Amino acid sequence: MTAGHLQIVVCAAGPAPDVTTLINTAHQRSWTTTVTATPHAMDFIDIPAIEKLTGTPVRSDYRASPGVRRPLPTTDALVIAPATYNSINKIALGLADNYAMTTIAELIGRHIPTVIVPFVNTALATRHPYRRAVTSLRDEGVHILLGPEHNWELHPPGTGNDRRLTFPWTTAFHAAAALAEEKQPRN
């Protein structure tokens, strides 16, 4: 797919300030982007820089004024990154307790190709709720970018800052673009 629209949802985790890497990667391949952030992620990201790059406001809440319709743009792929332990569990359960989670639930329900890049430590990842969430999301067709084939692994507790610079933003875009390409009808 040579061009498309990428919806990005950013969660409150160490790599979040670097989401501009994903935006720039998409733009270099002629994709447009919009960014939605979880409420806590708003403190992690440079909102003016993101809005300048995307040309659209960063969304974190529902419609500001009654009667003003702001639907989701036509979306070819969704990347949720960095995805926290909490967000991954909420997504799997279908919880829509904020605008970002509602956006995710709707896009997955519309069968938009979705890539999640976890930023979770190994202690949290051993928990049954997390393991069930990952399995459930994969069963639903969501691509979890994790493992040696993606050169991205979970990190030991307390080492998240060391992993920030190696976060696979470019790999996430390529995975989402490939999934969007697979979904396109053949001529």
C-alpha atoms as a PDB file:
ATOM      1  CA  MET A   1       0.000   0.000   0.000  1.00  0.00           C
ATOM      2  CA  THR A   2       1.732   3.159  -1.160  1.00  0.00           C
ATOM      3  CA  ALA A   3      -0.367   5.578   0.884  1.00  0.00           C
ATOM      4  CA  GLY A   4      -2.959   5.352   3.587  1.00  0.00           C
ATOM      5  CA  HIS A   5      -4.068   6.775   6.888  1.00  0.00           C
ATOM      6  CA  LEU A   6      -2.524   5.584  10.149  1.00  0.00           C
ATOM      7  CA  GLN A   7      -4.329   6.150  13.427  1.00  0.00           C
ATOM      8  CA  ILE A   8      -1.868   6.129  16.324  1.00  0.00           C
ATOM      9  CA  VAL A   9      -2.865   5.656  19.954  1.00  0.00           C
ATOM     10  CA  VAL A  10      -0.168   6.535  22.480  1.00  0.00           C
ATOM     11  CA  CYS A  11      -0.219   5.227  26.049  1.00  0.00           C
ATOM     12  CA  ALA A  12       1.678   6.610  29.063  1.00  0.00           C
ATOM     13  CA  ALA A  13       4.991   4.756  28.914  1.00  0.00           C
ATOM     14  CA  GLY A  14       8.652   5.664  28.537  1.00  0.00           C
ATOM     15  CA  PRO A  15       8.884   5.637  24.711  1.00  0.00           C
ATOM     16  CA  ALA A  16       5.772   7.835  24.238  1.00  0.00           C
ATOM     17  CA  PRO A  17       7.777  11.077  23.735  1.00  0.00           C
ATOM     18  CA  ASP A  18       9.350   9.490  20.647  1.00  0.00           C
ATOM     19  CA  VAL A  19       6.050   8.870  18.807  1.00  0.00           C
ATOM     20  CA  THR A  20       7.208  11.449  16.263  1.00  0.00           C
ATOM     21  CA  THR A  21       9.513   8.721  14.920  1.00  0.00           C
ATOM     22  CA  LEU A  22       6.429   6.702  13.940  1.00  0.00           C
ATOM     23  CA  ILE A  23       4.727   9.766  12.476  1.00  0.00           C
ATOM     24  CA  ASN A  24       7.791  10.667  10.395  1.00  0.00           C
ATOM     25  CA  THR A  25       8.192   7.077   9.195  1.00  0.00           C
ATOM     26  CA  ALA A  26       4.576   7.033   8.009  1.00  0.00           C
ATOM     27  CA  HIS A  27       4.885  10.425   6.329  1.00  0.00           C
ATOM     28  CA  GLN A  28       8.049   9.333   4.485  1.00  0.00           C
ATOM     29  CA  ARG A  29       5.893   6.624   2.901  1.00  0.00           C
ATOM     30  CA  SER A  30       3.101   9.076   1.971  1.00  0.00           C
ATOM     31  CA  TRP A  31       0.776   8.032   4.789  1.00  0.00           C
ATOM     32  CA  THR A  32      -1.225  10.572   6.779  1.00  0.00           C
ATOM     33  CA  THR A  33      -1.457  10.242  10.542  1.00  0.00           C
ATOM     34  CA  THR A  34      -3.559  11.283  13.495  1.00  0.00           C
ATOM     35  CA  VAL A  35      -2.714  10.782  17.143  1.00  0.00           C
ATOM     36  CA  THR A  36      -4.976   9.946  20.045  1.00  0.00           C
ATOM     37  CA  ALA A  37      -3.469   9.746  23.516  1.00  0.00           C
ATOM     38  CA  THR A  38      -4.681   8.145  26.699  1.00  0.00           C
ATOM     39  CA  PRO A  39      -5.339  10.785  29.354  1.00  0.00           C
ATOM     40  CA  HIS A  40      -2.082  10.055  31.182  1.00  0.00           C
ATOM     41  CA  ALA A  41      -0.063   9.974  27.959  1.00  0.00           C
ATOM     42  CA  MET A  42      -0.828  13.655  27.377  1.00  0.00           C
ATOM     43  CA  ASP A  43       1.875  14.449  29.958  1.00  0.00           C
ATOM     44  CA  PHE A  44       4.418  12.306  28.097  1.00  0.00           C
ATOM     45  CA  ILE A  45       4.167  13.748  24.586  1.00  0.00           C
ATOM     46  CA  ASP A  46       5.007  17.039  22.879  1.00  0.00           C
ATOM     47  CA  ILE A  47       1.505  17.965  21.747  1.00  0.00           C
ATOM     48  CA  PRO A  48       2.449  21.062  19.671  1.00  0.00           C
ATOM     49  CA  ALA A  49       5.180  19.121  17.811  1.00  0.00           C
ATOM     50  CA  ILE A  50       2.795  16.254  17.044  1.00  0.00           C
ATOM     51  CA  GLU A  51       0.046  18.602  15.894  1.00  0.00           C
ATOM     52  CA  LYS A  52       2.512  20.424  13.630  1.00  0.00           C
ATOM     53  CA  LEU A  53       3.607  17.120  12.065  1.00  0.00           C
ATOM     54  CA  THR A  54       0.122  15.657  11.622  1.00  0.00           C
ATOM     55  CA  GLY A  55      -1.800  18.837  10.902  1.00  0.00           C
ATOM     56  CA  THR A  56      -4.533  17.665  13.270  1.00  0.00           C
ATOM     57  CA  PRO A  57      -5.182  18.080  16.993  1.00  0.00           C
ATOM     58  CA  VAL A  58      -4.063  15.352  19.379  1.00  0.00           C
ATOM     59  CA  ARG A  59      -7.255  13.843  20.756  1.00  0.00           C
ATOM     60  CA  SER A  60      -7.629  12.617  24.311  1.00  0.00           C
ATOM     61  CA  ASP A  61     -11.231  13.324  25.101  1.00  0.00           C
ATOM     62  CA  TYR A  62     -14.655  13.151  23.577  1.00  0.00           C
ATOM     63  CA  ARG A  63     -16.323  15.926  21.634  1.00  0.00           C
ATOM     64  CA  ALA A  64     -15.749  19.284  23.276  1.00  0.00           C
ATOM     65  CA  SER A  65     -19.064  20.867  22.341  1.00  0.00           C
ATOM     66  CA  PRO A  66     -22.513  19.437  21.654  1.00  0.00           C
ATOM     67  CA  GLY A  67     -23.540  19.424  18.040  1.00  0.00           C
ATOM     68  CA  VAL A  68     -19.990  19.411  16.700  1.00  0.00           C
ATOM     69  CA  ARG A  69     -19.355  16.097  14.979  1.00  0.00           C
ATOM     70  CA  ARG A  70     -15.746  14.913  14.867  1.00  0.00           C
ATOM     71  CA  PRO A  71     -15.833  11.378  13.455  1.00  0.00           C
ATOM     72  CA  LEU A  72     -12.793   9.181  13.129  1.00  0.00           C
ATOM     73  CA  PRO A  73     -11.081   9.676   9.777  1.00  0.00           C
ATOM     74  CA  THR A  74     -11.063   6.797   7.336  1.00  0.00           C
ATOM     75  CA  THR A  75      -8.362   4.603   8.799  1.00  0.00           C
ATOM     76  CA  ASP A  76      -6.273   2.011   6.963  1.00  0.00           C
ATOM     77  CA  ALA A  77      -4.296   0.833  10.003  1.00  0.00           C
ATOM     78  CA  LEU A  78      -4.032   1.380  13.757  1.00  0.00           C
ATOM     79  CA  VAL A  79      -0.853   1.304  15.842  1.00  0.00           C
ATOM     80  CA  ILE A  80      -1.110   1.319  19.632  1.00  0.00           C
ATOM     81  CA  ALA A  81       2.324   2.147  20.971  1.00  0.00           C
ATOM     82  CA  PRO A  82       3.759   2.103  23.486  1.00  0.00           C
ATOM     83  CA  ALA A  83       1.034  -0.081  24.956  1.00  0.00           C
ATOM     84  CA  THR A  84       1.054  -0.457  28.711  1.00  0.00           C
ATOM     85  CA  TYR A  85       0.070  -3.447  30.809  1.00  0.00           C
ATOM     86  CA  ASN A  86      -3.091  -1.631  31.861  1.00  0.00           C
ATOM     87  CA  SER A  87      -4.074  -0.620  28.326  1.00  0.00           C
ATOM     88  CA  ILE A  88      -3.494  -4.077  26.862  1.00  0.00           C
ATOM     89  CA  ASN A  89      -5.720  -5.634  29.519  1.00  0.00           C
ATOM     90  CA  LYS A  90      -8.419  -2.980  28.972  1.00  0.00           C
ATOM     91  CA  ILE A  91      -8.329  -3.428  25.190  1.00  0.00           C
ATOM     92  CA  ALA A  92      -8.719  -7.202  25.502  1.00  0.00           C
ATOM     93  CA  LEU A  93     -11.686  -6.789  27.832  1.00  0.00           C
ATOM     94  CA  GLY A  94     -13.284  -4.248  25.512  1.00  0.00           C
ATOM     95  CA  LEU A  95     -13.274  -1.541  28.154  1.00  0.00           C
ATOM     96  CA  ALA A  96     -13.967   1.893  26.715  1.00  0.00           C
ATOM     97  CA  ASP A  97     -13.523   4.151  29.729  1.00  0.00           C
ATOM     98  CA  ASN A  98     -11.803   6.989  27.867  1.00  0.00           C
ATOM     99  CA  TYR A  99     -11.660   8.350  24.340  1.00  0.00           C
ATOM    100  CA  ALA A 100      -8.518   6.399  23.385  1.00  0.00           C
ATOM    101  CA  MET A 101      -9.971   3.067  24.530  1.00  0.00           C
ATOM    102  CA  THR A 102     -13.264   3.814  22.752  1.00  0.00           C
ATOM    103  CA  THR A 103     -11.364   4.618  19.551  1.00  0.00           C
ATOM    104  CA  ILE A 104      -9.423   1.364  19.803  1.00  0.00           C
ATOM    105  CA  ALA A 105     -12.543  -0.699  20.516  1.00  0.00           C
ATOM    106  CA  GLU A 106     -14.330   0.788  17.520  1.00  0.00           C
ATOM    107  CA  LEU A 107     -11.434   0.372  15.092  1.00  0.00           C
ATOM    108  CA  ILE A 108     -10.831  -3.237  16.119  1.00  0.00           C
ATOM    109  CA  GLY A 109     -14.578  -3.826  15.799  1.00  0.00           C
ATOM    110  CA  ARG A 110     -14.430  -2.378  12.269  1.00  0.00           C
ATOM    111  CA  HIS A 111     -11.654  -4.900  11.499  1.00  0.00           C
ATOM    112  CA  ILE A 112      -9.041  -2.202  10.888  1.00  0.00           C
ATOM    113  CA  PRO A 113      -5.578  -3.823  10.784  1.00  0.00           C
ATOM    114  CA  THR A 114      -4.180  -3.270  14.268  1.00  0.00           C
ATOM    115  CA  VAL A 115      -0.653  -3.511  15.662  1.00  0.00           C
ATOM    116  CA  ILE A 116       0.072  -3.286  19.386  1.00  0.00           C
ATOM    117  CA  VAL A 117       3.631  -2.756  20.614  1.00  0.00           C
ATOM    118  CA  PRO A 118       3.793  -3.643  24.318  1.00  0.00           C
ATOM    119  CA  PHE A 119       6.048  -1.765  26.695  1.00  0.00           C
ATOM    120  CA  VAL A 120       5.633  -4.111  29.627  1.00  0.00           C
ATOM    121  CA  ASN A 121       8.158  -5.516  32.052  1.00  0.00           C
ATOM    122  CA  THR A 122       8.668  -9.240  32.504  1.00  0.00           C
ATOM    123  CA  ALA A 123       7.170  -9.312  36.015  1.00  0.00           C
ATOM    124  CA  LEU A 124       3.868  -7.862  34.786  1.00  0.00           C
ATOM    125  CA  ALA A 125       3.929 -10.097  31.715  1.00  0.00           C
ATOM    126  CA  THR A 126       3.941 -13.237  33.879  1.00  0.00           C
ATOM    127  CA  ARG A 127       0.524 -12.327  35.259  1.00  0.00           C
ATOM    128  CA  HIS A 128      -2.406 -14.417  34.022  1.00  0.00           C
ATOM    129  CA  PRO A 129      -4.513 -11.362  33.090  1.00  0.00           C
ATOM    130  CA  TYR A 130      -1.806 -10.092  30.734  1.00  0.00           C
ATOM    131  CA  ARG A 131      -1.151 -13.482  29.154  1.00  0.00           C
ATOM    132  CA  ARG A 132      -4.896 -13.997  28.624  1.00  0.00           C
ATOM    133  CA  ALA A 133      -5.191 -10.492  27.143  1.00  0.00           C
ATOM    134  CA  VAL A 134      -2.424 -11.108  24.595  1.00  0.00           C
ATOM    135  CA  THR A 135      -3.946 -14.453  23.603  1.00  0.00           C
ATOM    136  CA  SER A 136      -7.419 -12.948  23.341  1.00  0.00           C
ATOM    137  CA  LEU A 137      -6.236 -10.044  21.180  1.00  0.00           C
ATOM    138  CA  ARG A 138      -4.292 -12.347  18.876  1.00  0.00           C
ATOM    139  CA  ASP A 139      -7.363 -14.588  18.569  1.00  0.00           C
ATOM    140  CA  GLU A 140      -9.284 -11.479  17.487  1.00  0.00           C
ATOM    141  CA  GLY A 141      -6.746 -10.795  14.727  1.00  0.00           C
ATOM    142  CA  VAL A 142      -4.743  -8.077  16.474  1.00  0.00           C
ATOM    143  CA  HIS A 143      -1.027  -8.222  15.701  1.00  0.00           C
ATOM    144  CA  ILE A 144       1.069  -8.042  18.885  1.00  0.00           C
ATOM    145  CA  LEU A 145       4.567  -6.956  17.892  1.00  0.00           C
ATOM    146  CA  LEU A 146       6.608  -8.989  20.331  1.00  0.00           C
ATOM    147  CA  GLY A 147       9.237 -11.671  20.106  1.00  0.00           C
ATOM    148  CA  PRO A 148      12.507 -12.458  18.365  1.00  0.00           C
ATOM    149  CA  GLU A 149      10.948 -12.239  14.890  1.00  0.00           C
ATOM    150  CA  HIS A 150      10.237  -8.550  15.600  1.00  0.00           C
ATOM    151  CA  ASN A 151      13.462  -7.920  17.523  1.00  0.00           C
ATOM    152  CA  TRP A 152      11.376  -6.684  20.455  1.00  0.00           C
ATOM    153  CA  GLU A 153      11.200  -8.371  23.837  1.00  0.00           C
ATOM    154  CA  LEU A 154       9.793  -7.495  27.229  1.00  0.00           C
ATOM    155  CA  HIS A 155      12.239  -5.900  29.647  1.00  0.00           C
ATOM    156  CA  PRO A 156      13.167  -6.743  33.239  1.00  0.00           C
ATOM    157  CA  PRO A 157      11.603  -4.502  35.899  1.00  0.00           C
ATOM    158  CA  GLY A 158      13.481  -1.241  36.329  1.00  0.00           C
ATOM    159  CA  THR A 159      15.123  -1.300  32.877  1.00  0.00           C
ATOM    160  CA  GLY A 160      12.484   0.490  30.822  1.00  0.00           C
ATOM    161  CA  ASN A 161      14.567   3.634  30.384  1.00  0.00           C
ATOM    162  CA  ASP A 162      17.326   1.546  28.795  1.00  0.00           C
ATOM    163  CA  ARG A 163      14.830   0.205  26.235  1.00  0.00           C
ATOM    164  CA  ARG A 164      13.325   3.531  25.161  1.00  0.00           C
ATOM    165  CA  LEU A 165      15.863   4.197  22.419  1.00  0.00           C
ATOM    166  CA  THR A 166      15.373   0.785  20.847  1.00  0.00           C
ATOM    167  CA  PHE A 167      11.571   0.941  20.733  1.00  0.00           C
ATOM    168  CA  PRO A 168      10.489  -0.497  17.338  1.00  0.00           C
ATOM    169  CA  TRP A 169       8.562   2.464  15.893  1.00  0.00           C
ATOM    170  CA  THR A 170       9.622   1.758  12.303  1.00  0.00           C
ATOM    171  CA  THR A 171       8.872  -1.950  12.624  1.00  0.00           C
ATOM    172  CA  ALA A 172       5.410  -1.075  13.955  1.00  0.00           C
ATOM    173  CA  PHE A 173       4.674   1.067  10.907  1.00  0.00           C
ATOM    174  CA  HIS A 174       5.885  -1.607   8.475  1.00  0.00           C
ATOM    175  CA  ALA A 175       3.773  -4.266  10.210  1.00  0.00           C
ATOM    176  CA  ALA A 176       0.670  -2.042  10.086  1.00  0.00           C
ATOM    177  CA  ALA A 177       1.256  -1.110   6.430  1.00  0.00           C
ATOM    178  CA  ALA A 178       1.719  -4.781   5.511  1.00  0.00           C
ATOM    179  CA  LEU A 179      -1.528  -5.730   7.268  1.00  0.00           C
ATOM    180  CA  ALA A 180      -3.344  -2.899   5.478  1.00  0.00           C
ATOM    181  CA  GLU A 181      -1.919  -4.103   2.161  1.00  0.00           C
ATOM    182  CA  GLU A 182      -3.177  -7.640   2.829  1.00  0.00           C
ATOM    183  CA  LYS A 183      -6.663  -6.276   3.517  1.00  0.00           C
ATOM    184  CA  GLN A 184      -6.817  -4.356   0.199  1.00  0.00           C
ATOM    185  CA  PRO A 185      -8.938  -6.041  -2.490  1.00  0.00           C
ATOM    186  CA  ARG A 186      -6.996  -7.529  -5.370  1.00  0.00           C
ATOM    187  CA  ASN A 187      -7.650  -6.163  -8.899  1.00  0.00           C
END
